[in-house]
Protein backbone atom coordinates (compact mmCIF):
# COMPACT_ATOMS: atom_id res chain seq x y z
CA MET A 1 -31.91 -259.65 -59.79
CA LYS A 2 -31.54 -256.12 -61.13
CA PHE A 3 -29.97 -255.15 -64.44
CA SER A 4 -27.41 -252.52 -65.38
CA LEU A 5 -25.44 -251.47 -68.45
CA PHE A 6 -21.64 -251.56 -68.73
CA LEU A 7 -20.18 -249.59 -71.63
CA HIS A 8 -17.42 -247.41 -73.02
CA MET A 9 -16.67 -245.39 -76.08
CA GLU A 10 -14.87 -247.71 -78.51
CA ARG A 11 -13.41 -247.02 -81.96
CA SER A 12 -11.69 -249.38 -84.36
CA ASP A 13 -11.74 -247.61 -87.73
CA GLY A 14 -10.28 -244.25 -86.70
CA GLU A 15 -12.82 -242.38 -88.81
CA LYS A 16 -15.80 -241.93 -86.52
CA PRO A 17 -15.55 -238.66 -84.51
CA HIS A 18 -15.06 -239.04 -80.79
CA LEU A 19 -17.93 -236.64 -80.17
CA GLU A 20 -20.28 -238.99 -82.01
CA LEU A 21 -19.10 -241.88 -79.84
CA PHE A 22 -19.68 -239.74 -76.74
CA ARG A 23 -23.27 -239.00 -77.83
CA GLU A 24 -23.92 -242.67 -78.55
CA VAL A 25 -22.93 -243.60 -75.01
CA GLU A 26 -25.37 -240.97 -73.75
CA GLU A 27 -28.17 -242.39 -75.89
CA LEU A 28 -27.56 -245.93 -74.66
CA VAL A 29 -27.61 -244.80 -71.03
CA LEU A 30 -30.80 -242.81 -71.58
CA ALA A 31 -32.38 -245.90 -73.13
CA ALA A 32 -31.25 -247.99 -70.15
CA GLU A 33 -32.82 -245.50 -67.75
CA ALA A 34 -36.08 -245.35 -69.71
CA GLY A 35 -36.17 -249.14 -69.69
CA GLY A 36 -35.82 -249.34 -65.92
CA MET A 37 -32.23 -250.49 -65.55
CA GLU A 38 -30.64 -249.99 -62.13
CA ALA A 39 -27.31 -248.49 -63.14
CA ALA A 40 -24.85 -247.61 -65.90
CA TRP A 41 -21.14 -248.32 -65.44
CA ILE A 42 -18.14 -246.73 -67.20
CA GLY A 43 -14.55 -247.75 -66.54
CA GLU A 44 -11.11 -246.19 -66.84
CA HIS A 45 -8.57 -246.83 -69.58
CA HIS A 46 -5.73 -244.85 -71.14
CA GLY A 47 -4.23 -244.54 -74.60
CA MET A 48 -6.49 -247.21 -76.12
CA GLU A 49 -9.09 -246.62 -78.82
CA PHE A 50 -10.25 -250.16 -78.04
CA THR A 51 -11.68 -248.75 -74.78
CA ILE A 52 -11.86 -244.94 -74.55
CA ALA A 53 -12.37 -243.90 -70.94
CA PRO A 54 -9.66 -241.63 -69.48
CA ASN A 55 -11.78 -240.37 -66.56
CA PRO A 56 -15.18 -241.93 -65.82
CA PHE A 57 -16.03 -239.20 -63.30
CA VAL A 58 -16.23 -236.63 -66.10
CA GLN A 59 -18.51 -238.79 -68.23
CA LEU A 60 -20.71 -239.77 -65.28
CA ALA A 61 -21.11 -236.15 -64.20
CA SER A 62 -22.22 -235.30 -67.74
CA LEU A 63 -24.68 -238.19 -67.69
CA GLY A 64 -25.94 -237.04 -64.31
CA ALA A 65 -27.17 -233.82 -65.90
CA LYS A 66 -29.14 -235.74 -68.53
CA THR A 67 -30.67 -238.49 -66.37
CA THR A 68 -32.86 -238.45 -63.29
CA ARG A 69 -33.06 -241.92 -61.76
CA ILE A 70 -30.45 -244.39 -63.02
CA ARG A 71 -27.43 -244.89 -60.78
CA LEU A 72 -24.06 -244.06 -62.34
CA GLY A 73 -20.98 -246.07 -61.47
CA THR A 74 -17.28 -246.23 -62.12
CA GLY A 75 -16.78 -249.67 -63.47
CA THR A 76 -13.96 -249.25 -62.45
CA ILE A 77 -11.33 -246.63 -61.64
CA ILE A 78 -7.81 -248.09 -61.59
CA ALA A 79 -6.59 -247.57 -58.05
CA PRO A 80 -2.80 -247.32 -58.67
CA PHE A 81 -3.31 -244.38 -61.03
CA TRP A 82 -5.06 -242.24 -58.40
CA HIS A 83 -4.02 -240.37 -55.28
CA PRO A 84 -6.51 -240.96 -52.42
CA ILE A 85 -7.18 -237.22 -52.02
CA ARG A 86 -8.08 -236.95 -55.71
CA VAL A 87 -10.40 -239.96 -55.56
CA ALA A 88 -12.14 -238.69 -52.43
CA GLY A 89 -12.71 -235.22 -53.86
CA GLU A 90 -13.64 -236.17 -57.42
CA ALA A 91 -15.96 -238.98 -56.31
CA ALA A 92 -17.68 -236.64 -53.86
CA LEU A 93 -18.08 -233.93 -56.51
CA THR A 94 -19.49 -236.47 -58.97
CA ASP A 95 -21.92 -237.66 -56.30
CA LEU A 96 -23.16 -234.09 -55.99
CA ALA A 97 -23.36 -233.70 -59.77
CA THR A 98 -25.49 -236.85 -60.01
CA ASN A 99 -27.67 -235.90 -57.03
CA GLY A 100 -26.43 -238.79 -54.91
CA ARG A 101 -26.43 -241.50 -57.59
CA LEU A 102 -22.73 -242.42 -57.76
CA ASP A 103 -21.41 -245.94 -57.18
CA LEU A 104 -17.63 -246.00 -56.78
CA GLY A 105 -16.13 -249.12 -58.36
CA ILE A 106 -12.41 -249.68 -57.78
CA ALA A 107 -10.01 -252.21 -59.33
CA ARG A 108 -6.30 -252.88 -59.49
CA GLY A 109 -6.26 -252.76 -63.32
CA ALA A 110 -5.14 -255.47 -65.70
CA TYR A 111 -3.42 -254.16 -68.84
CA SER A 112 0.38 -254.10 -68.72
CA PHE A 113 0.09 -251.62 -71.62
CA GLU A 114 -1.43 -249.12 -69.17
CA TYR A 115 0.88 -249.99 -66.28
CA GLU A 116 3.93 -249.28 -68.47
CA ARG A 117 2.62 -245.83 -69.35
CA MET A 118 0.93 -244.70 -66.15
CA LEU A 119 3.15 -246.25 -63.47
CA PRO A 120 6.21 -248.01 -64.94
CA GLY A 121 7.35 -251.03 -62.97
CA LEU A 122 3.94 -251.73 -61.48
CA ASP A 123 2.90 -255.37 -61.21
CA ALA A 124 -0.47 -256.94 -60.39
CA TRP A 125 0.39 -257.73 -56.75
CA HIS A 126 1.45 -254.20 -55.87
CA ALA A 127 -1.51 -252.85 -57.82
CA GLY A 128 -3.79 -254.91 -55.57
CA GLN A 129 -2.05 -253.64 -52.46
CA ARG A 130 -2.48 -250.06 -53.65
CA MET A 131 -6.18 -250.70 -54.14
CA ARG A 132 -6.53 -251.95 -50.58
CA GLU A 133 -4.71 -248.95 -49.15
CA LEU A 134 -6.74 -246.54 -51.28
CA VAL A 135 -10.14 -247.74 -50.04
CA GLY A 136 -9.49 -247.04 -46.37
CA ALA A 137 -7.82 -243.70 -47.08
CA VAL A 138 -10.73 -242.47 -49.22
CA ARG A 139 -13.30 -243.35 -46.59
CA ASN A 140 -11.32 -241.58 -43.89
CA LEU A 141 -10.94 -238.51 -46.09
CA TRP A 142 -14.72 -238.35 -46.46
CA ILE A 143 -14.92 -238.26 -42.66
CA GLY A 144 -12.19 -235.62 -42.69
CA ASP A 145 -9.16 -234.35 -40.76
CA TYR A 146 -7.29 -237.48 -41.67
CA ALA A 147 -3.52 -237.95 -41.95
CA HIS A 148 -2.15 -240.95 -43.80
CA GLU A 149 1.17 -242.77 -43.55
CA GLY A 150 1.03 -245.86 -45.75
CA ALA A 151 3.13 -248.06 -47.96
CA TYR A 152 2.24 -246.11 -51.12
CA TRP A 153 0.89 -242.70 -50.07
CA SER A 154 1.60 -240.30 -47.25
CA PHE A 155 0.01 -236.93 -46.53
CA PRO A 156 -0.68 -234.68 -43.54
CA THR A 157 -4.10 -234.00 -42.05
CA THR A 158 -6.56 -233.49 -44.90
CA THR A 159 -10.30 -233.27 -45.45
CA ALA A 160 -12.01 -234.22 -48.69
CA THR A 161 -13.84 -231.24 -50.11
CA PRO A 162 -16.60 -231.44 -51.05
CA LYS A 163 -18.20 -234.28 -49.12
CA PRO A 164 -20.41 -236.86 -50.87
CA LEU A 165 -24.16 -236.43 -50.78
CA GLN A 166 -24.56 -240.12 -49.93
CA ASP A 167 -23.53 -241.36 -46.51
CA PRO A 168 -22.20 -243.91 -47.01
CA LEU A 169 -21.27 -243.68 -50.68
CA PRO A 170 -21.30 -247.28 -52.01
CA ILE A 171 -17.91 -248.74 -52.91
CA TRP A 172 -17.59 -251.78 -55.18
CA ILE A 173 -14.45 -253.91 -55.46
CA ALA A 174 -13.58 -255.82 -58.63
CA ALA A 175 -12.75 -259.24 -57.19
CA ARG A 176 -11.51 -262.50 -58.62
CA ASP A 177 -9.23 -264.30 -56.14
CA PRO A 178 -10.50 -265.31 -52.67
CA ASN A 179 -8.37 -262.65 -50.94
CA SER A 180 -10.12 -259.88 -52.89
CA HIS A 181 -13.52 -261.25 -51.87
CA GLU A 182 -12.36 -261.40 -48.26
CA PHE A 183 -11.13 -257.81 -48.41
CA ALA A 184 -14.42 -256.58 -49.85
CA VAL A 185 -16.58 -258.36 -47.27
CA GLU A 186 -14.34 -257.34 -44.34
CA ASN A 187 -14.48 -253.71 -45.43
CA GLY A 188 -18.17 -253.46 -46.22
CA CYS A 189 -17.67 -253.13 -49.98
CA ASN A 190 -19.91 -254.55 -52.68
CA VAL A 191 -18.35 -256.91 -55.20
CA GLN A 192 -18.10 -256.86 -58.99
CA VAL A 193 -17.07 -260.08 -60.74
CA THR A 194 -16.57 -261.01 -64.38
CA PRO A 195 -15.74 -264.41 -65.83
CA LEU A 196 -14.89 -262.67 -69.14
CA ALA A 197 -15.54 -265.48 -71.62
CA SER A 198 -14.71 -268.42 -69.35
CA GLY A 199 -18.23 -269.78 -69.03
CA ASP A 200 -20.76 -270.70 -66.40
CA GLY A 201 -18.33 -272.86 -64.45
CA GLU A 202 -16.30 -269.74 -63.68
CA VAL A 203 -19.50 -267.83 -62.87
CA ALA A 204 -20.37 -270.43 -60.24
CA SER A 205 -16.80 -270.43 -58.91
CA LEU A 206 -16.81 -266.65 -58.49
CA MET A 207 -20.03 -266.87 -56.50
CA GLN A 208 -18.56 -269.65 -54.36
CA ARG A 209 -15.58 -267.45 -53.50
CA PHE A 210 -17.93 -264.63 -52.53
CA GLU A 211 -20.13 -266.91 -50.41
CA ALA A 212 -17.06 -268.34 -48.67
CA ALA A 213 -15.93 -264.83 -47.77
CA CYS A 214 -19.38 -264.00 -46.42
CA ALA A 215 -19.49 -267.25 -44.43
CA SER A 216 -16.14 -266.48 -42.81
CA HIS A 217 -17.57 -263.20 -41.49
CA PRO A 218 -21.07 -264.15 -40.28
CA ALA A 219 -21.40 -261.06 -38.08
CA LEU A 220 -20.94 -258.69 -41.02
CA PRO A 221 -23.73 -257.65 -43.40
CA ARG A 222 -23.74 -259.46 -46.74
CA PRO A 223 -22.59 -257.03 -49.47
CA LYS A 224 -24.17 -256.94 -52.90
CA ILE A 225 -22.57 -258.85 -55.75
CA MET A 226 -22.79 -257.96 -59.43
CA LEU A 227 -22.02 -260.22 -62.40
CA LEU A 228 -20.57 -258.47 -65.46
CA LEU A 229 -20.91 -260.42 -68.69
CA HIS A 230 -21.52 -259.82 -72.38
CA ALA A 231 -25.19 -260.35 -73.20
CA PHE A 232 -26.89 -259.73 -76.55
CA VAL A 233 -30.46 -260.35 -77.61
CA ALA A 234 -31.09 -261.28 -81.24
CA ASP A 235 -34.29 -261.75 -83.23
CA SER A 236 -33.05 -264.63 -85.40
CA ASP A 237 -30.48 -267.39 -85.61
CA GLU A 238 -28.66 -265.40 -88.28
CA GLU A 239 -28.38 -262.36 -86.03
CA THR A 240 -27.22 -264.55 -83.14
CA ALA A 241 -24.41 -265.84 -85.37
CA GLU A 242 -23.48 -262.25 -86.27
CA TYR A 243 -23.14 -261.31 -82.58
CA VAL A 244 -21.14 -264.47 -81.87
CA GLU A 245 -18.66 -263.69 -84.65
CA ALA A 246 -18.31 -260.08 -83.48
CA LEU A 247 -17.68 -261.13 -79.87
CA SER A 248 -15.14 -263.71 -80.99
CA ALA A 249 -13.22 -260.97 -82.81
CA PHE A 250 -13.64 -258.63 -79.83
CA TYR A 251 -12.19 -261.11 -77.35
CA CYS A 252 -9.30 -262.02 -79.63
CA MET A 253 -8.47 -258.32 -79.80
CA PHE A 254 -8.85 -258.11 -76.02
CA GLY A 255 -6.39 -260.97 -75.71
CA ALA A 256 -3.92 -259.22 -78.00
CA TRP A 257 -4.14 -256.00 -75.95
CA PHE A 258 -3.65 -258.03 -72.79
CA GLN A 259 -0.53 -259.70 -74.20
CA ASN A 260 0.83 -256.24 -75.11
CA LYS A 261 3.04 -257.49 -77.95
CA ARG A 262 1.56 -255.99 -81.13
CA PRO A 263 2.40 -252.48 -82.41
CA ILE A 264 0.02 -249.63 -81.58
CA HIS A 265 -0.54 -246.61 -83.83
CA GLN A 266 -2.69 -243.66 -82.73
CA GLY A 267 -4.11 -245.79 -79.93
CA ARG A 268 -5.22 -248.54 -82.31
CA MET A 269 -4.05 -252.07 -82.95
CA ALA A 270 -4.42 -253.50 -86.44
CA PRO A 271 -7.20 -256.10 -86.75
CA LEU A 272 -6.10 -259.68 -86.26
CA SER A 273 -6.01 -261.96 -89.28
CA ALA A 274 -7.90 -265.24 -89.27
CA GLU A 275 -4.59 -267.03 -88.68
CA GLU A 276 -3.69 -264.74 -85.76
CA ARG A 277 -7.07 -265.38 -84.16
CA THR A 278 -6.27 -269.10 -83.98
CA ALA A 279 -3.77 -268.20 -81.24
CA PHE A 280 -6.83 -267.62 -79.02
CA PRO A 281 -8.78 -270.91 -79.24
CA GLN A 282 -10.65 -270.02 -76.04
CA TYR A 283 -12.32 -267.22 -78.02
CA ALA A 284 -13.32 -269.27 -81.06
CA PRO A 285 -16.95 -268.74 -82.09
CA ASP A 286 -18.15 -272.04 -80.66
CA GLN A 287 -16.64 -271.15 -77.27
CA ILE A 288 -18.12 -267.65 -77.38
CA ALA A 289 -21.56 -269.03 -78.22
CA ARG A 290 -21.34 -271.36 -75.22
CA ASN A 291 -19.79 -269.03 -72.67
CA LEU A 292 -21.47 -265.68 -73.32
CA VAL A 293 -25.21 -264.91 -73.26
CA ILE A 294 -26.14 -264.45 -76.92
CA GLY A 295 -29.43 -265.50 -78.43
CA GLN A 296 -33.14 -264.91 -78.76
CA PRO A 297 -35.13 -263.70 -75.73
CA ASP A 298 -36.25 -267.05 -74.29
CA TYR A 299 -32.67 -268.37 -74.34
CA VAL A 300 -31.28 -265.22 -72.72
CA ILE A 301 -33.95 -265.32 -70.02
CA GLU A 302 -33.19 -268.96 -69.24
CA ARG A 303 -29.46 -268.26 -68.89
CA LEU A 304 -30.00 -265.22 -66.68
CA LYS A 305 -32.42 -267.11 -64.45
CA ARG A 306 -29.53 -269.43 -63.61
CA TYR A 307 -27.46 -266.48 -62.43
CA GLU A 308 -30.34 -265.13 -60.39
CA ALA A 309 -30.68 -268.55 -58.74
CA LEU A 310 -26.99 -268.47 -57.81
CA GLY A 311 -27.67 -265.32 -55.78
CA PHE A 312 -26.39 -262.43 -57.90
CA ASP A 313 -27.99 -259.13 -56.95
CA GLN A 314 -27.22 -257.40 -60.24
CA PHE A 315 -26.38 -258.45 -63.78
CA ALA A 316 -24.44 -255.90 -65.83
CA VAL A 317 -24.98 -256.17 -69.58
CA TRP A 318 -21.53 -255.60 -71.11
CA ILE A 319 -22.36 -254.08 -74.48
CA ASP A 320 -18.88 -253.27 -75.87
CA CYS A 321 -18.41 -255.47 -78.91
CA GLY A 322 -16.91 -253.55 -81.83
CA LEU A 323 -20.23 -253.53 -83.70
CA PRO A 324 -21.93 -250.32 -84.88
CA TYR A 325 -24.10 -248.35 -82.47
CA GLU A 326 -27.27 -249.43 -84.26
CA LYS A 327 -26.61 -253.09 -83.44
CA LYS A 328 -25.95 -252.30 -79.78
CA ARG A 329 -29.11 -250.22 -79.55
CA LYS A 330 -31.23 -252.92 -81.17
CA SER A 331 -29.94 -255.57 -78.78
CA LEU A 332 -30.48 -253.31 -75.78
CA ASP A 333 -34.01 -252.49 -76.88
CA LEU A 334 -34.82 -256.20 -77.24
CA PHE A 335 -33.31 -256.83 -73.80
CA LEU A 336 -35.40 -254.09 -72.19
CA ARG A 337 -38.63 -255.13 -73.93
CA HIS A 338 -38.40 -258.90 -73.69
CA VAL A 339 -35.89 -259.91 -71.00
CA CYS A 340 -36.30 -257.39 -68.18
CA PRO A 341 -40.06 -258.00 -67.76
CA ALA A 342 -39.32 -261.67 -66.97
CA PHE A 343 -37.50 -260.49 -63.85
CA SER A 344 -39.88 -257.74 -62.74
CA GLU A 345 -41.46 -258.11 -59.33
CA GLY A 346 -45.07 -259.26 -59.60
């Protein structure tokens, strides 16, 4: 099982300059590359200081100029917000900028906050249908001289310019329900899954859905599957407890953004009080400690070995947590020094 890093710029206090956040992301990715990680993933989000990522292609192209080996992926672009011609061209240009190291992750999106602002009236079902239509159109545009007449986009004969350096350029689909897994396998796409903070039962269920999709198409090659999950390595019980508390607060805030009911000012939501956090019992510290991978190296290795045994090809360390950069960097360094070697070949 290979390892990658999943991260964004994130700001809660409103004081730290965005440029400093940008540089911190660079430093984390450079550390991941130096430590031998397979890839770094950056997603797409709009109008949220909780997750600052308006265009991952721009950030990945910048990272491509500063790295040499690590693959750089969109984790993920939100399909309904993109025209197929734009995706095809910008992904191809980013592939050139990274010297053929782009992985194109695509999702339907999840936040109603973003749907309301980017495409009012959009719901999750139509977002999923847009994602499916986008994938085929983008691939045909890379081939070129392609006209499209679909449910959501129509355009006359068009060629993506430039063309990607990779042929084929890997596409990853964020999948949860069985139909999404089926779509990915049928269309030769790799799969990204995340249980969020639902625990190892959901991890196993996600793999079962993927395996069922593969089994229903025995003549097709088995795609790769990546598990995205928060993982932090601590050097003491006290530090483990600090990470657990931070991730509990992070997921409660995530839940509040997902509900889209609290006021937003300058892209920020006020911190939740202790009483407000009780509305999210699934994110209480004891649940976070059980369902995420947080602990000292031996514990983290044991948990990740379970996921490797299930058949995951890649584990993405989700490092967003609301803690200062120094805490993220320390955890990543411990992961690279103590956890990764336990999975090295030979």
